Amino acid sequence: MKKRKLFLLTVVIIGILFQSSKVCMAAETAPFFENGIVEIGNIDLGESDLQLPLVKKKSKTVKRTYPNKQSIPGGIYYEEYIDGHMWGGILDWTGEIKNVGYGVVEATFSGKLKMID
């Protein structure tokens, strides 16, 4: 009786290991999905002129005023309605500062906006 239980337990463990290895292999070949973009491994297009418009982006530069240099953040979230669509994204501080008087400074932020609607 003990041998039979041991045999059944061994068969179950081997079956579980086999199924989990199939799941791992499937996960390695499945497309990776993040932030609305599907990556399907390394695709070599060679000399092809094919361009895939997966995510539309627009460059944007804005200026913001702050009471002093120490209060300038490293980046800001920015949204704008352009051409019938809402665009948004993080704009990074370029390091550019302009004194506008009374200790107030104007900082420049730049980056890419993605279509969000």
PDB file of N, CA and C in Angstrom:
ATOM      1  N   MET A   1       0.811  -1.182   0.000  1.00  0.00           N
ATOM      2  CA  MET A   1       0.000   0.000   0.000  1.00  0.00           C
ATOM      3  C   MET A   1       0.865   1.262   0.000  1.00  0.00           C
ATOM      4  N   LYS A   2       1.959   1.244   0.780  1.00  0.00           N
ATOM      5  CA  LYS A   2       2.831   2.402   0.836  1.00  0.00           C
ATOM      6  C   LYS A   2       3.513   2.631  -0.505  1.00  0.00           C
ATOM      7  N   LYS A   3       3.882   1.548  -1.172  1.00  0.00           N
ATOM      8  CA  LYS A   3       4.544   1.683  -2.475  1.00  0.00           C
ATOM      9  C   LYS A   3       3.597   2.307  -3.492  1.00  0.00           C
ATOM     10  N   ARG A   4       2.355   1.932  -3.421  1.00  0.00           N
ATOM     11  CA  ARG A   4       1.381   2.487  -4.364  1.00  0.00           C
ATOM     12  C   ARG A   4       1.183   3.990  -4.130  1.00  0.00           C
ATOM     13  N   LYS A   5       1.068   4.417  -2.864  1.00  0.00           N
ATOM     14  CA  LYS A   5       0.927   5.833  -2.542  1.00  0.00           C
ATOM     15  C   LYS A   5       2.162   6.618  -2.986  1.00  0.00           C
ATOM     16  N   LEU A   6       3.337   6.042  -2.750  1.00  0.00           N
ATOM     17  CA  LEU A   6       4.576   6.697  -3.159  1.00  0.00           C
ATOM     18  C   LEU A   6       4.638   6.823  -4.679  1.00  0.00           C
ATOM     19  N   PHE A   7       4.211   5.778  -5.378  1.00  0.00           N
ATOM     20  CA  PHE A   7       4.200   5.816  -6.845  1.00  0.00           C
ATOM     21  C   PHE A   7       3.233   6.902  -7.344  1.00  0.00           C
ATOM     22  N   LEU A   8       2.023   6.979  -6.804  1.00  0.00           N
ATOM     23  CA  LEU A   8       1.039   7.984  -7.208  1.00  0.00           C
ATOM     24  C   LEU A   8       1.540   9.406  -6.898  1.00  0.00           C
ATOM     25  N   LEU A   9       2.166   9.573  -5.744  1.00  0.00           N
ATOM     26  CA  LEU A   9       2.718  10.879  -5.390  1.00  0.00           C
ATOM     27  C   LEU A   9       3.813  11.294  -6.373  1.00  0.00           C
ATOM     28  N   THR A  10       4.657  10.347  -6.762  1.00  0.00           N
ATOM     29  CA  THR A  10       5.721  10.630  -7.731  1.00  0.00           C
ATOM     30  C   THR A  10       5.132  11.029  -9.079  1.00  0.00           C
ATOM     31  N   VAL A  11       4.109  10.322  -9.531  1.00  0.00           N
ATOM     32  CA  VAL A  11       3.461  10.635 -10.804  1.00  0.00           C
ATOM     33  C   VAL A  11       2.838  12.030 -10.749  1.00  0.00           C
ATOM     34  N   VAL A  12       2.191  12.385  -9.653  1.00  0.00           N
ATOM     35  CA  VAL A  12       1.568  13.704  -9.510  1.00  0.00           C
ATOM     36  C   VAL A  12       2.631  14.799  -9.531  1.00  0.00           C
ATOM     37  N   ILE A  13       3.722  14.605  -8.815  1.00  0.00           N
ATOM     38  CA  ILE A  13       4.794  15.612  -8.773  1.00  0.00           C
ATOM     39  C   ILE A  13       5.410  15.794 -10.152  1.00  0.00           C
ATOM     40  N   ILE A  14       5.671  14.701 -10.857  1.00  0.00           N
ATOM     41  CA  ILE A  14       6.231  14.800 -12.209  1.00  0.00           C
ATOM     42  C   ILE A  14       5.247  15.514 -13.134  1.00  0.00           C
ATOM     43  N   GLY A  15       3.963  15.229 -13.010  1.00  0.00           N
ATOM     44  CA  GLY A  15       2.948  15.914 -13.824  1.00  0.00           C
ATOM     45  C   GLY A  15       2.913  17.408 -13.546  1.00  0.00           C
ATOM     46  N   ILE A  16       2.990  17.774 -12.280  1.00  0.00           N
ATOM     47  CA  ILE A  16       2.988  19.202 -11.919  1.00  0.00           C
ATOM     48  C   ILE A  16       4.234  19.883 -12.485  1.00  0.00           C
ATOM     49  N   LEU A  17       5.390  19.273 -12.348  1.00  0.00           N
ATOM     50  CA  LEU A  17       6.621  19.847 -12.889  1.00  0.00           C
ATOM     51  C   LEU A  17       6.552  19.990 -14.401  1.00  0.00           C
ATOM     52  N   PHE A  18       5.986  19.007 -15.062  1.00  0.00           N
ATOM     53  CA  PHE A  18       5.871  19.067 -16.519  1.00  0.00           C
ATOM     54  C   PHE A  18       4.957  20.206 -16.944  1.00  0.00           C
ATOM     55  N   GLN A  19       3.822  20.353 -16.267  1.00  0.00           N
ATOM     56  CA  GLN A  19       2.875  21.423 -16.605  1.00  0.00           C
ATOM     57  C   GLN A  19       3.484  22.798 -16.331  1.00  0.00           C
ATOM     58  N   SER A  20       4.205  22.959 -15.225  1.00  0.00           N
ATOM     59  CA  SER A  20       4.793  24.264 -14.913  1.00  0.00           C
ATOM     60  C   SER A  20       5.884  24.619 -15.916  1.00  0.00           C
ATOM     61  N   SER A  21       6.610  23.625 -16.431  1.00  0.00           N
ATOM     62  CA  SER A  21       7.637  23.935 -17.433  1.00  0.00           C
ATOM     63  C   SER A  21       6.973  24.365 -18.742  1.00  0.00           C
ATOM     64  N   LYS A  22       5.803  23.791 -19.069  1.00  0.00           N
ATOM     65  CA  LYS A  22       5.088  24.214 -20.266  1.00  0.00           C
ATOM     66  C   LYS A  22       4.592  25.648 -20.109  1.00  0.00           C
ATOM     67  N   VAL A  23       4.147  26.017 -18.912  1.00  0.00           N
ATOM     68  CA  VAL A  23       3.694  27.379 -18.654  1.00  0.00           C
ATOM     69  C   VAL A  23       4.857  28.351 -18.784  1.00  0.00           C
ATOM     70  N   CYS A  24       6.014  28.000 -18.247  1.00  0.00           N
ATOM     71  CA  CYS A  24       7.189  28.867 -18.348  1.00  0.00           C
ATOM     72  C   CYS A  24       7.603  29.051 -19.804  1.00  0.00           C
ATOM     73  N   MET A  25       7.575  27.967 -20.585  1.00  0.00           N
ATOM     74  CA  MET A  25       7.946  28.074 -21.992  1.00  0.00           C
ATOM     75  C   MET A  25       6.940  28.954 -22.732  1.00  0.00           C
ATOM     76  N   ALA A  26       5.670  28.844 -22.409  1.00  0.00           N
ATOM     77  CA  ALA A  26       4.652  29.668 -23.065  1.00  0.00           C
ATOM     78  C   ALA A  26       4.837  31.132 -22.691  1.00  0.00           C
ATOM     79  N   ALA A  27       5.213  31.408 -21.443  1.00  0.00           N
ATOM     80  CA  ALA A  27       5.427  32.786 -21.010  1.00  0.00           C
ATOM     81  C   ALA A  27       6.612  33.415 -21.725  1.00  0.00           C
ATOM     82  N   GLU A  28       7.628  32.598 -22.048  1.00  0.00           N
ATOM     83  CA  GLU A  28       8.796  33.130 -22.747  1.00  0.00           C
ATOM     84  C   GLU A  28       8.472  33.523 -24.184  1.00  0.00           C
ATOM     85  N   THR A  29       7.504  32.856 -24.789  1.00  0.00           N
ATOM     86  CA  THR A  29       7.173  33.146 -26.182  1.00  0.00           C
ATOM     87  C   THR A  29       5.976  34.074 -26.320  1.00  0.00           C
ATOM     88  N   ALA A  30       5.268  34.351 -25.215  1.00  0.00           N
ATOM     89  CA  ALA A  30       4.096  35.211 -25.279  1.00  0.00           C
ATOM     90  C   ALA A  30       4.517  36.665 -25.429  1.00  0.00           C
ATOM     91  N   PRO A  31       3.705  37.480 -26.096  1.00  0.00           N
ATOM     92  CA  PRO A  31       4.022  38.907 -26.220  1.00  0.00           C
ATOM     93  C   PRO A  31       4.025  39.581 -24.857  1.00  0.00           C
ATOM     94  N   PHE A  32       4.897  40.562 -24.681  1.00  0.00           N
ATOM     95  CA  PHE A  32       4.996  41.335 -23.453  1.00  0.00           C
ATOM     96  C   PHE A  32       4.181  42.607 -23.630  1.00  0.00           C
ATOM     97  N   PHE A  33       3.286  42.887 -22.691  1.00  0.00           N
ATOM     98  CA  PHE A  33       2.388  44.035 -22.811  1.00  0.00           C
ATOM     99  C   PHE A  33       2.663  45.003 -21.675  1.00  0.00           C
ATOM    100  N   GLU A  34       2.978  46.271 -22.032  1.00  0.00           N
ATOM    101  CA  GLU A  34       3.215  47.293 -21.017  1.00  0.00           C
ATOM    102  C   GLU A  34       2.888  48.655 -21.592  1.00  0.00           C
ATOM    103  N   ASN A  35       2.114  49.448 -20.854  1.00  0.00           N
ATOM    104  CA  ASN A  35       1.779  50.821 -21.242  1.00  0.00           C
ATOM    105  C   ASN A  35       1.162  50.901 -22.633  1.00  0.00           C
ATOM    106  N   GLY A  36       0.361  49.937 -23.014  1.00  0.00           N
ATOM    107  CA  GLY A  36      -0.319  49.999 -24.301  1.00  0.00           C
ATOM    108  C   GLY A  36       0.545  49.598 -25.477  1.00  0.00           C
ATOM    109  N   ILE A  37       1.763  49.093 -25.221  1.00  0.00           N
ATOM    110  CA  ILE A  37       2.654  48.691 -26.308  1.00  0.00           C
ATOM    111  C   ILE A  37       2.919  47.197 -26.171  1.00  0.00           C
ATOM    112  N   VAL A  38       2.781  46.476 -27.247  1.00  0.00           N
ATOM    113  CA  VAL A  38       3.054  45.047 -27.230  1.00  0.00           C
ATOM    114  C   VAL A  38       4.435  44.810 -27.825  1.00  0.00           C
ATOM    115  N   GLU A  39       5.311  44.173 -27.037  1.00  0.00           N
ATOM    116  CA  GLU A  39       6.625  43.810 -27.544  1.00  0.00           C
ATOM    117  C   GLU A  39       6.601  42.329 -27.884  1.00  0.00           C
ATOM    118  N   ILE A  40       7.088  41.967 -29.043  1.00  0.00           N
ATOM    119  CA  ILE A  40       7.092  40.571 -29.462  1.00  0.00           C
ATOM    120  C   ILE A  40       8.537  40.150 -29.711  1.00  0.00           C
ATOM    121  N   GLY A  41       9.356  40.250 -28.695  1.00  0.00           N
ATOM    122  CA  GLY A  41      10.748  39.848 -28.821  1.00  0.00           C
ATOM    123  C   GLY A  41      11.531  40.763 -29.736  1.00  0.00           C
ATOM    124  N   ASN A  42      12.646  40.278 -30.212  1.00  0.00           N
ATOM    125  CA  ASN A  42      13.499  41.050 -31.104  1.00  0.00           C
ATOM    126  C   ASN A  42      13.075  40.815 -32.539  1.00  0.00           C
ATOM    127  N   ILE A  43      12.556  41.836 -33.170  1.00  0.00           N
ATOM    128  CA  ILE A  43      12.119  41.733 -34.559  1.00  0.00           C
ATOM    129  C   ILE A  43      13.120  42.492 -35.411  1.00  0.00           C
ATOM    130  N   ASP A  44      13.756  41.814 -36.340  1.00  0.00           N
ATOM    131  CA  ASP A  44      14.721  42.447 -37.230  1.00  0.00           C
ATOM    132  C   ASP A  44      14.031  42.739 -38.551  1.00  0.00           C
ATOM    133  N   LEU A  45      13.833  44.034 -38.829  1.00  0.00           N
ATOM    134  CA  LEU A  45      13.183  44.424 -40.072  1.00  0.00           C
ATOM    135  C   LEU A  45      14.195  44.617 -41.192  1.00  0.00           C
ATOM    136  N   GLY A  46      15.475  44.503 -40.880  1.00  0.00           N
ATOM    137  CA  GLY A  46      16.513  44.637 -41.899  1.00  0.00           C
ATOM    138  C   GLY A  46      16.475  45.993 -42.553  1.00  0.00           C
ATOM    139  N   GLU A  47      16.456  46.030 -43.857  1.00  0.00           N
ATOM    140  CA  GLU A  47      16.463  47.272 -44.615  1.00  0.00           C
ATOM    141  C   GLU A  47      15.051  47.769 -44.921  1.00  0.00           C
ATOM    142  N   SER A  48      14.055  47.198 -44.284  1.00  0.00           N
ATOM    143  CA  SER A  48      12.668  47.538 -44.570  1.00  0.00           C
ATOM    144  C   SER A  48      12.358  48.986 -44.189  1.00  0.00           C
ATOM    145  N   ASP A  49      11.484  49.613 -44.959  1.00  0.00           N
ATOM    146  CA  ASP A  49      11.040  50.967 -44.666  1.00  0.00           C
ATOM    147  C   ASP A  49       9.760  50.963 -43.830  1.00  0.00           C
ATOM    148  N   LEU A  50       9.374  49.796 -43.326  1.00  0.00           N
ATOM    149  CA  LEU A  50       8.157  49.664 -42.540  1.00  0.00           C
ATOM    150  C   LEU A  50       8.296  50.417 -41.224  1.00  0.00           C
ATOM    151  N   GLN A  51       7.340  51.293 -40.938  1.00  0.00           N
ATOM    152  CA  GLN A  51       7.309  52.005 -39.672  1.00  0.00           C
ATOM    153  C   GLN A  51       5.976  51.724 -39.013  1.00  0.00           C
ATOM    154  N   LEU A  52       6.031  51.312 -37.751  1.00  0.00           N
ATOM    155  CA  LEU A  52       4.824  50.961 -37.033  1.00  0.00           C
ATOM    156  C   LEU A  52       4.427  52.109 -36.105  1.00  0.00           C
ATOM    157  N   PRO A  53       3.317  52.783 -36.388  1.00  0.00           N
ATOM    158  CA  PRO A  53       2.897  53.892 -35.530  1.00  0.00           C
ATOM    159  C   PRO A  53       2.164  53.379 -34.294  1.00  0.00           C
ATOM    160  N   LEU A  54       2.889  52.790 -33.348  1.00  0.00           N
ATOM    161  CA  LEU A  54       2.255  52.215 -32.172  1.00  0.00           C
ATOM    162  C   LEU A  54       1.754  53.292 -31.211  1.00  0.00           C
ATOM    163  N   VAL A  55       2.568  54.304 -30.963  1.00  0.00           N
ATOM    164  CA  VAL A  55       2.197  55.355 -30.027  1.00  0.00           C
ATOM    165  C   VAL A  55       2.517  56.697 -30.668  1.00  0.00           C
ATOM    166  N   LYS A  56       1.506  57.552 -30.758  1.00  0.00           N
ATOM    167  CA  LYS A  56       1.735  58.883 -31.305  1.00  0.00           C
ATOM    168  C   LYS A  56       2.296  59.766 -30.203  1.00  0.00           C
ATOM    169  N   LYS A  57       3.322  60.558 -30.542  1.00  0.00           N
ATOM    170  CA  LYS A  57       3.948  61.452 -29.572  1.00  0.00           C
ATOM    171  C   LYS A  57       4.159  62.825 -30.197  1.00  0.00           C
ATOM    172  N   LYS A  58       4.136  63.833 -29.348  1.00  0.00           N
ATOM    173  CA  LYS A  58       4.413  65.207 -29.768  1.00  0.00           C
ATOM    174  C   LYS A  58       5.417  65.807 -28.797  1.00  0.00           C
ATOM    175  N   SER A  59       6.383  66.538 -29.328  1.00  0.00           N
ATOM    176  CA  SER A  59       7.339  67.250 -28.481  1.00  0.00           C
ATOM    177  C   SER A  59       6.672  68.498 -27.918  1.00  0.00           C
ATOM    178  N   LYS A  60       7.010  68.832 -26.680  1.00  0.00           N
ATOM    179  CA  LYS A  60       6.423  70.008 -26.044  1.00  0.00           C
ATOM    180  C   LYS A  60       7.435  70.644 -25.101  1.00  0.00           C
ATOM    181  N   THR A  61       7.507  71.973 -25.127  1.00  0.00           N
ATOM    182  CA  THR A  61       8.326  72.745 -24.205  1.00  0.00           C
ATOM    183  C   THR A  61       7.437  73.815 -23.589  1.00  0.00           C
ATOM    184  N   VAL A  62       7.480  73.916 -22.255  1.00  0.00           N
ATOM    185  CA  VAL A  62       6.691  74.923 -21.551  1.00  0.00           C
ATOM    186  C   VAL A  62       7.566  75.634 -20.524  1.00  0.00           C
ATOM    187  N   LYS A  63       7.146  76.827 -20.126  1.00  0.00           N
ATOM    188  CA  LYS A  63       7.843  77.604 -19.101  1.00  0.00           C
ATOM    189  C   LYS A  63       6.893  77.812 -17.936  1.00  0.00           C
ATOM    190  N   ARG A  64       7.416  77.692 -16.716  1.00  0.00           N
ATOM    191  CA  ARG A  64       6.641  77.892 -15.493  1.00  0.00           C
ATOM    192  C   ARG A  64       7.435  78.782 -14.547  1.00  0.00           C
ATOM    193  N   THR A  65       6.735  79.605 -13.783  1.00  0.00           N
ATOM    194  CA  THR A  65       7.407  80.470 -12.816  1.00  0.00           C
ATOM    195  C   THR A  65       7.332  79.867 -11.415  1.00  0.00           C
ATOM    196  N   TYR A  66       8.395  80.111 -10.624  1.00  0.00           N
ATOM    197  CA  TYR A  66       8.497  79.611  -9.254  1.00  0.00           C
ATOM    198  C   TYR A  66       9.062  80.714  -8.369  1.00  0.00           C
ATOM    199  N   PRO A  67       8.734  80.689  -7.072  1.00  0.00           N
ATOM    200  CA  PRO A  67       9.186  81.758  -6.182  1.00  0.00           C
ATOM    201  C   PRO A  67      10.702  81.810  -5.992  1.00  0.00           C
ATOM    202  N   ASN A  68      11.372  80.658  -6.192  1.00  0.00           N
ATOM    203  CA  ASN A  68      12.836  80.614  -6.086  1.00  0.00           C
ATOM    204  C   ASN A  68      13.363  79.361  -6.773  1.00  0.00           C
ATOM    205  N   LYS A  69      14.672  79.288  -6.939  1.00  0.00           N
ATOM    206  CA  LYS A  69      15.291  78.164  -7.653  1.00  0.00           C
ATOM    207  C   LYS A  69      15.085  76.838  -6.919  1.00  0.00           C
ATOM    208  N   GLN A  70      15.070  76.873  -5.598  1.00  0.00           N
ATOM    209  CA  GLN A  70      14.944  75.644  -4.804  1.00  0.00           C
ATOM    210  C   GLN A  70      13.573  74.979  -4.957  1.00  0.00           C
ATOM    211  N   SER A  71      12.578  75.720  -5.391  1.00  0.00           N
ATOM    212  CA  SER A  71      11.233  75.148  -5.502  1.00  0.00           C
ATOM    213  C   SER A  71      10.941  74.559  -6.888  1.00  0.00           C
ATOM    214  N   ILE A  72      11.930  74.560  -7.785  1.00  0.00           N
ATOM    215  CA  ILE A  72      11.718  74.002  -9.125  1.00  0.00           C
ATOM    216  C   ILE A  72      11.774  72.478  -9.051  1.00  0.00           C
ATOM    217  N   PRO A  73      10.722  71.789  -9.502  1.00  0.00           N
ATOM    218  CA  PRO A  73      10.741  70.316  -9.487  1.00  0.00           C
ATOM    219  C   PRO A  73      11.572  69.767 -10.655  1.00  0.00           C
ATOM    220  N   GLY A  74      11.947  68.514 -10.568  1.00  0.00           N
ATOM    221  CA  GLY A  74      12.711  67.867 -11.637  1.00  0.00           C
ATOM    222  C   GLY A  74      11.875  67.603 -12.875  1.00  0.00           C
ATOM    223  N   GLY A  75      10.572  67.553 -12.707  1.00  0.00           N
ATOM    224  CA  GLY A  75       9.668  67.324 -13.830  1.00  0.00           C
ATOM    225  C   GLY A  75       8.250  67.687 -13.442  1.00  0.00           C
ATOM    226  N   ILE A  76       7.410  67.903 -14.443  1.00  0.00           N
ATOM    227  CA  ILE A  76       6.007  68.217 -14.205  1.00  0.00           C
ATOM    228  C   ILE A  76       5.139  67.371 -15.125  1.00  0.00           C
ATOM    229  N   TYR A  77       3.911  67.090 -14.674  1.00  0.00           N
ATOM    230  CA  TYR A  77       2.946  66.431 -15.547  1.00  0.00           C
ATOM    231  C   TYR A  77       2.195  67.523 -16.298  1.00  0.00           C
ATOM    232  N   TYR A  78       2.043  67.365 -17.601  1.00  0.00           N
ATOM    233  CA  TYR A  78       1.425  68.389 -18.429  1.00  0.00           C
ATOM    234  C   TYR A  78       0.398  67.748 -19.349  1.00  0.00           C
ATOM    235  N   GLU A  79      -0.769  68.368 -19.482  1.00  0.00           N
ATOM    236  CA  GLU A  79      -1.804  67.923 -20.415  1.00  0.00           C
ATOM    237  C   GLU A  79      -2.232  69.096 -21.280  1.00  0.00           C
ATOM    238  N   GLU A  80      -2.604  68.777 -22.524  1.00  0.00           N
ATOM    239  CA  GLU A  80      -3.067  69.807 -23.448  1.00  0.00           C
ATOM    240  C   GLU A  80      -4.000  69.179 -24.472  1.00  0.00           C
ATOM    241  N   TYR A  81      -5.027  69.930 -24.844  1.00  0.00           N
ATOM    242  CA  TYR A  81      -5.966  69.496 -25.876  1.00  0.00           C
ATOM    243  C   TYR A  81      -5.453  70.020 -27.217  1.00  0.00           C
ATOM    244  N   ILE A  82      -5.061  69.109 -28.128  1.00  0.00           N
ATOM    245  CA  ILE A  82      -4.486  69.481 -29.421  1.00  0.00           C
ATOM    246  C   ILE A  82      -5.191  68.701 -30.524  1.00  0.00           C
ATOM    247  N   ASP A  83      -5.653  69.385 -31.548  1.00  0.00           N
ATOM    248  CA  ASP A  83      -6.235  68.752 -32.738  1.00  0.00           C
ATOM    249  C   ASP A  83      -7.325  67.730 -32.403  1.00  0.00           C
ATOM    250  N   GLY A  84      -8.174  68.048 -31.455  1.00  0.00           N
ATOM    251  CA  GLY A  84      -9.286  67.166 -31.134  1.00  0.00           C
ATOM    252  C   GLY A  84      -8.947  66.002 -30.224  1.00  0.00           C
ATOM    253  N   HIS A  85      -7.737  65.967 -29.673  1.00  0.00           N
ATOM    254  CA  HIS A  85      -7.330  64.875 -28.784  1.00  0.00           C
ATOM    255  C   HIS A  85      -6.638  65.431 -27.545  1.00  0.00           C
ATOM    256  N   MET A  86      -6.732  64.677 -26.466  1.00  0.00           N
ATOM    257  CA  MET A  86      -6.040  65.053 -25.240  1.00  0.00           C
ATOM    258  C   MET A  86      -4.661  64.405 -25.245  1.00  0.00           C
ATOM    259  N   TRP A  87      -3.625  65.199 -24.954  1.00  0.00           N
ATOM    260  CA  TRP A  87      -2.241  64.737 -24.916  1.00  0.00           C
ATOM    261  C   TRP A  87      -1.697  64.997 -23.520  1.00  0.00           C
ATOM    262  N   GLY A  88      -0.838  64.121 -23.029  1.00  0.00           N
ATOM    263  CA  GLY A  88      -0.270  64.314 -21.702  1.00  0.00           C
ATOM    264  C   GLY A  88       1.038  63.570 -21.544  1.00  0.00           C
ATOM    265  N   GLY A  89       1.800  63.987 -20.530  1.00  0.00           N
ATOM    266  CA  GLY A  89       3.054  63.311 -20.236  1.00  0.00           C
ATOM    267  C   GLY A  89       3.902  64.102 -19.269  1.00  0.00           C
ATOM    268  N   ILE A  90       5.019  63.510 -18.896  1.00  0.00           N
ATOM    269  CA  ILE A  90       5.969  64.139 -17.987  1.00  0.00           C
ATOM    270  C   ILE A  90       6.955  64.967 -18.791  1.00  0.00           C
ATOM    271  N   LEU A  91       7.105  66.229 -18.403  1.00  0.00           N
ATOM    272  CA  LEU A  91       8.094  67.105 -19.010  1.00  0.00           C
ATOM    273  C   LEU A  91       9.210  67.304 -17.997  1.00  0.00           C
ATOM    274  N   ASP A  92      10.445  67.073 -18.398  1.00  0.00           N
ATOM    275  CA  ASP A  92      11.598  67.195 -17.512  1.00  0.00           C
ATOM    276  C   ASP A  92      12.153  68.612 -17.529  1.00  0.00           C
ATOM    277  N   TRP A  93      12.657  69.048 -16.373  1.00  0.00           N
ATOM    278  CA  TRP A  93      13.285  70.360 -16.284  1.00  0.00           C
ATOM    279  C   TRP A  93      14.575  70.330 -17.078  1.00  0.00           C
ATOM    280  N   THR A  94      14.753  71.279 -17.976  1.00  0.00           N
ATOM    281  CA  THR A  94      15.933  71.315 -18.842  1.00  0.00           C
ATOM    282  C   THR A  94      17.146  71.900 -18.131  1.00  0.00           C
ATOM    283  N   GLY A  95      16.952  72.500 -16.963  1.00  0.00           N
ATOM    284  CA  GLY A  95      18.039  73.167 -16.248  1.00  0.00           C
ATOM    285  C   GLY A  95      18.104  74.649 -16.563  1.00  0.00           C
ATOM    286  N   GLU A  96      17.306  75.057 -17.523  1.00  0.00           N
ATOM    287  CA  GLU A  96      17.290  76.464 -17.922  1.00  0.00           C
ATOM    288  C   GLU A  96      16.471  77.281 -16.924  1.00  0.00           C
ATOM    289  N   ILE A  97      17.072  78.398 -16.453  1.00  0.00           N
ATOM    290  CA  ILE A  97      16.411  79.282 -15.501  1.00  0.00           C
ATOM    291  C   ILE A  97      16.573  80.718 -15.979  1.00  0.00           C
ATOM    292  N   LYS A  98      15.502  81.513 -15.807  1.00  0.00           N
ATOM    293  CA  LYS A  98      15.561  82.932 -16.136  1.00  0.00           C
ATOM    294  C   LYS A  98      15.003  83.708 -14.945  1.00  0.00           C
ATOM    295  N   ASN A  99      15.750  84.681 -14.440  1.00  0.00           N
ATOM    296  CA  ASN A  99      15.263  85.533 -13.350  1.00  0.00           C
ATOM    297  C   ASN A  99      14.282  86.534 -13.927  1.00  0.00           C
ATOM    298  N   VAL A 100      13.079  86.567 -13.344  1.00  0.00           N
ATOM    299  CA  VAL A 100      12.067  87.491 -13.840  1.00  0.00           C
ATOM    300  C   VAL A 100      11.810  88.641 -12.877  1.00  0.00           C
ATOM    301  N   GLY A 101      12.545  88.695 -11.764  1.00  0.00           N
ATOM    302  CA  GLY A 101      12.429  89.805 -10.819  1.00  0.00           C
ATOM    303  C   GLY A 101      11.855  89.396  -9.484  1.00  0.00           C
ATOM    304  N   TYR A 102      12.242  90.125  -8.427  1.00  0.00           N
ATOM    305  CA  TYR A 102      11.771  89.892  -7.064  1.00  0.00           C
ATOM    306  C   TYR A 102      12.030  88.464  -6.586  1.00  0.00           C
ATOM    307  N   GLY A 103      13.113  87.854  -7.059  1.00  0.00           N
ATOM    308  CA  GLY A 103      13.458  86.489  -6.662  1.00  0.00           C
ATOM    309  C   GLY A 103      12.706  85.413  -7.422  1.00  0.00           C
ATOM    310  N   VAL A 104      11.759  85.786  -8.241  1.00  0.00           N
ATOM    311  CA  VAL A 104      10.962  84.822  -9.016  1.00  0.00           C
ATOM    312  C   VAL A 104      11.782  84.341 -10.210  1.00  0.00           C
ATOM    313  N   VAL A 105      11.723  83.039 -10.481  1.00  0.00           N
ATOM    314  CA  VAL A 105      12.459  82.467 -11.601  1.00  0.00           C
ATOM    315  C   VAL A 105      11.501  81.760 -12.555  1.00  0.00           C
ATOM    316  N   GLU A 106      11.896  81.703 -13.803  1.00  0.00           N
ATOM    317  CA  GLU A 106      11.129  80.992 -14.825  1.00  0.00           C
ATOM    318  C   GLU A 106      11.943  79.780 -15.260  1.00  0.00           C
ATOM    319  N   ALA A 107      11.351  78.587 -15.128  1.00  0.00           N
ATOM    320  CA  ALA A 107      12.030  77.338 -15.485  1.00  0.00           C
ATOM    321  C   ALA A 107      11.429  76.776 -16.767  1.00  0.00           C
ATOM    322  N   THR A 108      12.276  76.137 -17.575  1.00  0.00           N
ATOM    323  CA  THR A 108      11.834  75.537 -18.837  1.00  0.00           C
ATOM    324  C   THR A 108      11.773  74.019 -18.685  1.00  0.00           C
ATOM    325  N   PHE A 109      10.670  73.439 -19.127  1.00  0.00           N
ATOM    326  CA  PHE A 109      10.454  71.995 -19.086  1.00  0.00           C
ATOM    327  C   PHE A 109      10.203  71.506 -20.509  1.00  0.00           C
ATOM    328  N   SER A 110      10.730  70.330 -20.817  1.00  0.00           N
ATOM    329  CA  SER A 110      10.587  69.801 -22.175  1.00  0.00           C
ATOM    330  C   SER A 110      10.435  68.286 -22.127  1.00  0.00           C
ATOM    331  N   GLY A 111       9.722  67.745 -23.118  1.00  0.00           N
ATOM    332  CA  GLY A 111       9.544  66.300 -23.191  1.00  0.00           C
ATOM    333  C   GLY A 111       8.570  65.913 -24.279  1.00  0.00           C
ATOM    334  N   LYS A 112       8.099  64.676 -24.230  1.00  0.00           N
ATOM    335  CA  LYS A 112       7.167  64.136 -25.225  1.00  0.00           C
ATOM    336  C   LYS A 112       5.806  63.923 -24.579  1.00  0.00           C
ATOM    337  N   LEU A 113       4.763  64.282 -25.313  1.00  0.00           N
ATOM    338  CA  LEU A 113       3.394  64.036 -24.882  1.00  0.00           C
ATOM    339  C   LEU A 113       2.845  62.866 -25.680  1.00  0.00           C
ATOM    340  N   LYS A 114       2.053  62.014 -25.022  1.00  0.00           N
ATOM    341  CA  LYS A 114       1.386  60.889 -25.677  1.00  0.00           C
ATOM    342  C   LYS A 114      -0.109  61.172 -25.744  1.00  0.00           C
ATOM    343  N   MET A 115      -0.743  60.668 -26.790  1.00  0.00           N
ATOM    344  CA  MET A 115      -2.193  60.816 -26.907  1.00  0.00           C
ATOM    345  C   MET A 115      -2.835  59.960 -25.802  1.00  0.00           C
ATOM    346  N   ILE A 116      -3.707  60.582 -25.006  1.00  0.00           N
ATOM    347  CA  ILE A 116      -4.293  59.854 -23.871  1.00  0.00           C
ATOM    348  C   ILE A 116      -5.794  59.632 -24.010  1.00  0.00           C
ATOM    349  N   ASP A 117      -6.365  59.963 -25.155  1.00  0.00           N
ATOM    350  CA  ASP A 117      -7.793  59.626 -25.357  1.00  0.00           C
ATOM    351  C   ASP A 117      -8.004  58.980 -26.688  1.00  0.00           C
TER     352      ASP A 117
END
